[in-house]
Amino acid sequence: MKERYCKLMDRCVPGEELVRAAVKVRRPARRRLRLGAAAAQYFTPVQHACEGQGIRMEVLSVYIHGDTAEIYISLQDQTGNRIDETTDLFDSYDILRPYDSTATCRFAGYDAQTRTVLFLITITEQGGHRIEGDKVTFQVRRFLSHKEEQEGTAIPLSLGDLAEAPAGAPETLTGGSGALAFEEAPAVLTPGEPWEGFPVKGIDLTAAGYVDGKLHIQLAVEDYLDNDNHGWLYLKGAAGEIIEPVGTAAFCTEGNGAARVDYQEFVFDVSPEEGAECTLWGDFVTCGTLTEGCWRVTFPLRQSDTWAQPPVEKT
């Protein structure tokens, strides 16, 4: 039986239609190679400077001491005025390292004559790896500039004229502070139309009123992830004393084709009677320019021949 079965199966051949279908879907064999972070960084080409959209990014110097490396990197606008003393990378950068480490990047100075801003990157190796010789990639995707700070801004809102207002849980809670830091569904005002009397461009006041005997004031920012506009509200009492909010709640709304709007609601432990004796003030930061692109440098962590901070003024 077994021998007879084998002879019958040996005569079986695929038909022409089956062969054509098999050839049609045939794909060449592929081999995949997965590299670890250290190997991938090892094979990344070295590039100490790059240019794009008239912006030049360059590695200026490296200083290594123990398990820590300090690197100065510059950004220069060679064609316009997009870089100034307020230039902020806005967390839109990556520091790629081959091993576990901690890394920070902070503003270090600005030279108005050459339109050059300086950043200091600090990398501290962990796990016993020798930091010298490692290759690092620093990449920037966007930066903000021409930011304006407005401190001690008076807001002409009559707190004594505000009424009790309906409140509910926010659509998407994104954070909180103070007494509202750990509340999963804090009571917030329903966003309304922007108040025309608000004195800061780029930030709106969308609601104000009393909830359970406490004063709530709501600020809103459109496209916050592209401008970093933000503010902080406080009150001044009849004697000029500062009254800080007891807590804040941050939330956002988006969807149905509408742009994202981020809200921050400030809550003051002030009754309507007390609010009538207070005035509203705020400190604000707004951005004027967003520059997008891709600037990337890769360099080995080797001690520079001469180490000195480039001659730029710190602000």
Protein backbone atom coordinates (compact mmCIF):
# COMPACT_ATOMS: atom_id res chain seq x y z
CA MET A 1 0.00 0.00 0.00
CA LYS A 2 2.75 2.41 0.93
CA GLU A 3 4.73 1.73 -2.25
CA ARG A 4 1.64 2.13 -4.43
CA TYR A 5 0.75 5.43 -2.73
CA CYS A 6 4.23 6.85 -3.31
CA LYS A 7 4.12 5.97 -7.01
CA LEU A 8 0.76 7.72 -7.41
CA MET A 9 1.99 10.87 -5.65
CA ASP A 10 5.16 10.99 -7.75
CA ARG A 11 2.96 11.43 -10.85
CA CYS A 12 1.28 14.56 -9.41
CA VAL A 13 2.50 17.82 -10.95
CA PRO A 14 1.07 21.35 -10.58
CA GLY A 15 -1.06 22.67 -13.41
CA GLU A 16 -0.04 25.62 -15.59
CA GLU A 17 -2.52 27.95 -13.87
CA LEU A 18 -1.11 27.14 -10.45
CA VAL A 19 2.46 27.67 -11.67
CA ARG A 20 1.61 31.06 -13.17
CA ALA A 21 -0.07 32.15 -9.93
CA ALA A 22 2.91 31.05 -7.86
CA VAL A 23 5.38 32.88 -10.09
CA LYS A 24 3.26 36.03 -9.99
CA VAL A 25 3.33 36.31 -6.21
CA ARG A 26 6.91 35.17 -5.80
CA ARG A 27 9.07 37.59 -3.84
CA PRO A 28 12.83 37.54 -3.56
CA ALA A 29 14.17 36.30 -0.26
CA ARG A 30 15.02 39.07 2.17
CA ARG A 31 17.41 39.00 5.03
CA ARG A 32 16.83 41.28 7.97
CA LEU A 33 19.55 42.45 10.25
CA ARG A 34 18.64 44.16 13.49
CA LEU A 35 21.28 46.34 15.04
CA GLY A 36 21.42 47.41 18.64
CA ALA A 37 21.65 51.08 19.55
CA ALA A 38 25.43 50.94 19.99
CA ALA A 39 26.01 49.23 16.62
CA ALA A 40 23.61 51.53 14.79
CA GLN A 41 25.30 54.61 16.21
CA TYR A 42 28.72 53.17 15.35
CA PHE A 43 27.83 53.00 11.64
CA THR A 44 26.32 56.51 11.50
CA PRO A 45 28.60 58.76 9.38
CA VAL A 46 30.41 61.59 11.15
CA GLN A 47 29.13 65.05 10.22
CA HIS A 48 30.20 68.00 12.35
CA ALA A 49 28.03 70.58 10.59
CA CYS A 50 24.94 70.75 8.44
CA GLU A 51 22.94 73.44 6.66
CA GLY A 52 19.30 73.70 5.67
CA GLN A 53 16.97 76.58 4.86
CA GLY A 54 19.78 79.02 5.49
CA ILE A 55 20.34 77.73 9.03
CA ARG A 56 23.73 76.23 9.89
CA MET A 57 24.24 73.91 12.87
CA GLU A 58 27.79 73.11 13.94
CA VAL A 59 29.66 71.29 16.70
CA LEU A 60 32.12 73.81 18.17
CA SER A 61 33.93 71.99 20.97
CA VAL A 62 33.84 68.95 23.25
CA TYR A 63 35.07 68.74 26.85
CA ILE A 64 35.28 65.39 28.65
CA HIS A 65 35.77 65.01 32.38
CA GLY A 66 35.21 61.65 34.03
CA ASP A 67 31.92 60.14 32.92
CA THR A 68 30.58 63.47 31.63
CA ALA A 69 30.89 65.20 28.26
CA GLU A 70 30.01 68.83 27.55
CA ILE A 71 29.43 69.90 23.97
CA TYR A 72 28.86 73.37 22.55
CA ILE A 73 26.67 73.48 19.45
CA SER A 74 25.76 76.60 17.50
CA LEU A 75 22.80 77.56 15.31
CA GLN A 76 23.36 80.43 12.89
CA ASP A 77 20.89 82.11 10.54
CA GLN A 78 22.89 82.88 7.41
CA THR A 79 20.09 84.44 5.39
CA GLY A 80 17.55 86.07 7.69
CA ASN A 81 16.55 87.04 11.20
CA ARG A 82 14.96 83.85 12.52
CA ILE A 83 17.42 83.39 15.38
CA ASP A 84 17.61 85.74 18.35
CA GLU A 85 18.33 85.72 22.09
CA THR A 86 14.97 84.04 22.79
CA THR A 87 15.60 81.02 20.54
CA ASP A 88 14.15 77.90 22.16
CA LEU A 89 14.43 74.32 20.87
CA PHE A 90 11.08 73.62 22.56
CA ASP A 91 11.91 69.95 23.32
CA SER A 92 12.02 69.32 19.55
CA TYR A 93 15.48 67.79 19.58
CA ASP A 94 16.97 64.33 19.96
CA ILE A 95 20.27 63.30 21.54
CA LEU A 96 21.10 59.78 20.33
CA ARG A 97 23.72 57.89 22.34
CA PRO A 98 24.96 54.30 22.07
CA TYR A 99 24.59 53.47 25.77
CA ASP A 100 22.39 54.38 28.72
CA SER A 101 23.06 57.93 29.79
CA THR A 102 21.41 61.13 30.89
CA ALA A 103 21.51 64.12 28.57
CA THR A 104 20.36 67.73 28.73
CA CYS A 105 20.46 70.69 26.37
CA ARG A 106 20.22 74.31 27.51
CA PHE A 107 20.61 77.79 26.07
CA ALA A 108 24.15 79.10 26.61
CA GLY A 109 24.38 82.44 24.80
CA TYR A 110 23.67 84.57 21.76
CA ASP A 111 25.78 86.73 19.43
CA ALA A 112 23.61 89.40 17.78
CA GLN A 113 26.31 90.44 15.31
CA THR A 114 26.54 86.99 13.70
CA ARG A 115 22.95 85.92 14.51
CA THR A 116 24.32 82.85 16.29
CA VAL A 117 22.81 81.09 19.29
CA LEU A 118 24.76 78.67 21.44
CA PHE A 119 23.52 75.55 23.25
CA LEU A 120 25.36 73.43 25.80
CA ILE A 121 24.72 69.68 25.73
CA THR A 122 25.71 67.73 28.84
CA ILE A 123 25.88 63.92 28.68
CA THR A 124 26.62 61.71 31.70
CA GLU A 125 27.28 58.05 30.97
CA GLN A 126 25.73 55.33 33.13
CA GLY A 127 26.46 51.67 33.62
CA GLY A 128 30.24 51.92 33.69
CA HIS A 129 30.77 52.56 29.97
CA ARG A 130 33.73 54.69 28.96
CA ILE A 131 32.23 57.84 27.50
CA GLU A 132 35.22 58.97 25.45
CA GLY A 133 35.08 57.65 21.90
CA ASP A 134 31.31 57.17 21.82
CA LYS A 135 29.56 58.66 18.82
CA VAL A 136 26.63 61.03 19.43
CA THR A 137 23.94 62.35 17.10
CA PHE A 138 22.16 65.62 17.83
CA GLN A 139 19.08 66.43 15.76
CA VAL A 140 16.79 69.48 15.76
CA ARG A 141 13.39 69.45 14.05
CA ARG A 142 12.07 72.93 14.91
CA PHE A 143 12.77 75.93 17.07
CA LEU A 144 10.93 78.98 18.36
CA SER A 145 12.22 82.54 18.39
CA HIS A 146 11.18 86.17 18.81
CA LYS A 147 9.46 85.27 22.07
CA GLU A 148 7.99 88.11 24.08
CA GLU A 149 7.67 88.19 27.86
CA GLN A 150 5.00 90.35 29.47
CA GLU A 151 5.31 90.45 33.25
CA GLY A 152 3.00 92.21 35.64
CA THR A 153 0.24 92.68 33.06
CA ALA A 154 -2.99 94.12 34.44
CA ILE A 155 -6.15 92.43 33.15
CA PRO A 156 -9.20 94.73 33.25
CA LEU A 157 -11.72 92.08 34.29
CA SER A 158 -14.14 93.10 37.05
CA LEU A 159 -14.06 90.13 39.41
CA GLY A 160 -16.95 91.50 41.46
CA ASP A 161 -19.28 91.30 38.46
CA LEU A 162 -18.73 87.58 37.88
CA ALA A 163 -21.50 85.14 38.76
CA GLU A 164 -21.71 81.47 39.70
CA ALA A 165 -20.93 79.46 36.59
CA PRO A 166 -21.71 75.88 35.54
CA ALA A 167 -18.76 73.49 35.58
CA GLY A 168 -18.06 69.94 34.53
CA ALA A 169 -15.30 67.43 33.87
CA PRO A 170 -12.79 68.38 31.14
CA GLU A 171 -12.82 66.60 27.79
CA THR A 172 -9.16 65.54 27.91
CA LEU A 173 -7.22 66.29 31.08
CA THR A 174 -3.52 66.95 30.38
CA GLY A 175 -2.21 68.05 33.77
CA GLY A 176 -2.73 69.94 36.98
CA SER A 177 -1.00 71.58 39.91
CA GLY A 178 -1.56 72.40 43.55
CA ALA A 179 -4.89 71.28 44.97
CA LEU A 180 -5.92 69.91 41.55
CA ALA A 181 -2.72 67.99 40.84
CA PHE A 182 -4.16 64.54 41.56
CA GLU A 183 -7.82 65.01 40.69
CA GLU A 184 -8.93 62.73 37.86
CA ALA A 185 -11.92 64.88 36.88
CA PRO A 186 -11.63 68.39 38.32
CA ALA A 187 -14.56 70.76 37.82
CA VAL A 188 -13.73 73.26 35.08
CA LEU A 189 -15.73 75.97 33.33
CA THR A 190 -17.28 75.39 29.93
CA PRO A 191 -15.09 77.20 27.34
CA GLY A 192 -16.79 80.14 25.68
CA GLU A 193 -15.94 82.81 23.14
CA PRO A 194 -12.69 84.74 23.72
CA TRP A 195 -13.10 87.89 25.79
CA GLU A 196 -12.25 90.90 23.61
CA GLY A 197 -10.76 92.86 26.51
CA PHE A 198 -7.87 90.44 27.12
CA PRO A 199 -4.60 92.38 26.57
CA VAL A 200 -2.28 89.58 25.35
CA LYS A 201 -2.20 88.52 21.71
CA GLY A 202 -1.91 84.75 21.20
CA ILE A 203 -3.68 83.87 24.46
CA ASP A 204 -7.44 84.07 25.07
CA LEU A 205 -9.57 84.32 28.18
CA THR A 206 -12.49 82.00 27.47
CA ALA A 207 -14.36 81.72 30.79
CA ALA A 208 -14.52 83.22 34.28
CA GLY A 209 -16.85 82.73 37.21
CA TYR A 210 -17.34 81.22 40.65
CA VAL A 211 -17.69 77.49 41.29
CA ASP A 212 -18.59 76.34 44.81
CA GLY A 213 -17.48 79.67 46.21
CA LYS A 214 -14.09 79.72 44.48
CA LEU A 215 -12.98 81.94 41.60
CA HIS A 216 -12.19 80.14 38.32
CA ILE A 217 -10.49 81.87 35.38
CA GLN A 218 -9.74 80.02 32.15
CA LEU A 219 -7.07 80.77 29.52
CA ALA A 220 -6.88 79.15 26.08
CA VAL A 221 -4.13 78.77 23.46
CA GLU A 222 -4.60 77.50 19.91
CA ASP A 223 -1.81 75.38 18.38
CA TYR A 224 0.07 75.32 21.68
CA LEU A 225 2.39 72.58 20.39
CA ASP A 226 3.56 75.00 17.69
CA ASN A 227 4.01 78.18 19.74
CA ASP A 228 4.43 77.43 23.47
CA ASN A 229 2.32 80.46 24.39
CA HIS A 230 1.53 80.32 28.10
CA GLY A 231 0.79 82.45 31.11
CA TRP A 232 0.31 82.55 34.86
CA LEU A 233 -2.48 84.42 36.64
CA TYR A 234 -2.56 85.88 40.14
CA LEU A 235 -4.61 88.37 42.12
CA LYS A 236 -3.74 91.50 44.03
CA GLY A 237 -5.73 92.26 47.14
CA ALA A 238 -6.89 95.65 48.38
CA ALA A 239 -3.57 96.18 50.17
CA GLY A 240 -1.53 95.07 47.14
CA GLU A 241 -0.80 91.60 48.50
CA ILE A 242 -0.28 88.79 45.97
CA ILE A 243 -2.86 85.98 45.99
CA GLU A 244 -1.69 82.89 44.11
CA PRO A 245 -4.06 80.22 42.76
CA VAL A 246 -4.58 77.19 44.99
CA GLY A 247 -4.47 74.96 41.92
CA THR A 248 -4.65 74.74 38.14
CA ALA A 249 -6.14 72.25 35.69
CA ALA A 250 -4.88 71.81 32.12
CA PHE A 251 -7.00 70.18 29.43
CA CYS A 252 -7.53 70.27 25.68
CA THR A 253 -10.20 69.86 23.01
CA GLU A 254 -9.71 68.65 19.45
CA GLY A 255 -11.46 66.63 16.77
CA ASN A 256 -14.13 66.99 14.09
CA GLY A 257 -11.65 68.83 11.91
CA ALA A 258 -11.15 71.61 14.46
CA ALA A 259 -7.73 72.77 15.58
CA ARG A 260 -6.51 71.67 18.98
CA VAL A 261 -7.07 74.16 21.78
CA ASP A 262 -5.24 73.87 25.11
CA TYR A 263 -6.80 75.34 28.23
CA GLN A 264 -5.45 76.18 31.67
CA GLU A 265 -7.89 76.97 34.44
CA PHE A 266 -6.76 78.85 37.53
CA VAL A 267 -8.65 78.36 40.80
CA PHE A 268 -8.44 80.93 43.61
CA ASP A 269 -9.77 80.40 47.12
CA VAL A 270 -11.61 83.70 46.91
CA SER A 271 -15.32 84.28 47.46
CA PRO A 272 -17.38 86.68 45.32
CA GLU A 273 -17.25 89.24 48.13
CA GLU A 274 -13.46 88.94 48.42
CA GLY A 275 -13.07 88.93 44.63
CA ALA A 276 -14.75 92.31 44.40
CA GLU A 277 -11.78 93.76 46.33
CA CYS A 278 -9.16 92.12 44.08
CA THR A 279 -7.63 92.85 40.68
CA LEU A 280 -6.41 90.29 38.13
CA TRP A 281 -2.80 90.20 36.91
CA GLY A 282 -0.63 87.86 34.86
CA ASP A 283 2.80 87.01 33.47
CA PHE A 284 2.86 85.80 29.86
CA VAL A 285 5.21 84.41 27.22
CA THR A 286 4.26 84.37 23.53
CA CYS A 287 6.20 83.23 20.47
CA GLY A 288 6.57 85.16 17.22
CA THR A 289 8.36 82.71 14.89
CA LEU A 290 8.32 78.94 14.39
CA THR A 291 11.04 77.52 12.11
CA GLU A 292 10.79 73.89 10.99
CA GLY A 293 13.33 71.68 9.24
CA CYS A 294 15.87 68.98 10.00
CA TRP A 295 19.36 69.74 11.23
CA ARG A 296 21.53 66.81 12.25
CA VAL A 297 25.15 66.38 13.32
CA THR A 298 27.02 63.24 14.36
CA PHE A 299 30.36 63.41 16.12
CA PRO A 300 32.68 61.30 18.32
CA LEU A 301 33.15 62.31 21.94
CA ARG A 302 36.80 63.22 21.81
CA GLN A 303 38.45 66.02 23.74
CA SER A 304 38.84 69.16 21.60
CA ASP A 305 42.40 70.42 21.13
CA THR A 306 41.41 73.70 22.73
CA TRP A 307 38.43 73.99 25.04
CA ALA A 308 36.83 77.32 25.62
CA GLN A 309 33.31 78.62 25.50
CA PRO A 310 32.81 80.60 22.26
CA PRO A 311 32.69 84.36 22.80
CA VAL A 312 28.96 85.02 22.97
CA GLU A 313 27.03 87.03 25.49
CA LYS A 314 24.86 85.11 27.92
CA THR A 315 21.37 86.45 28.46
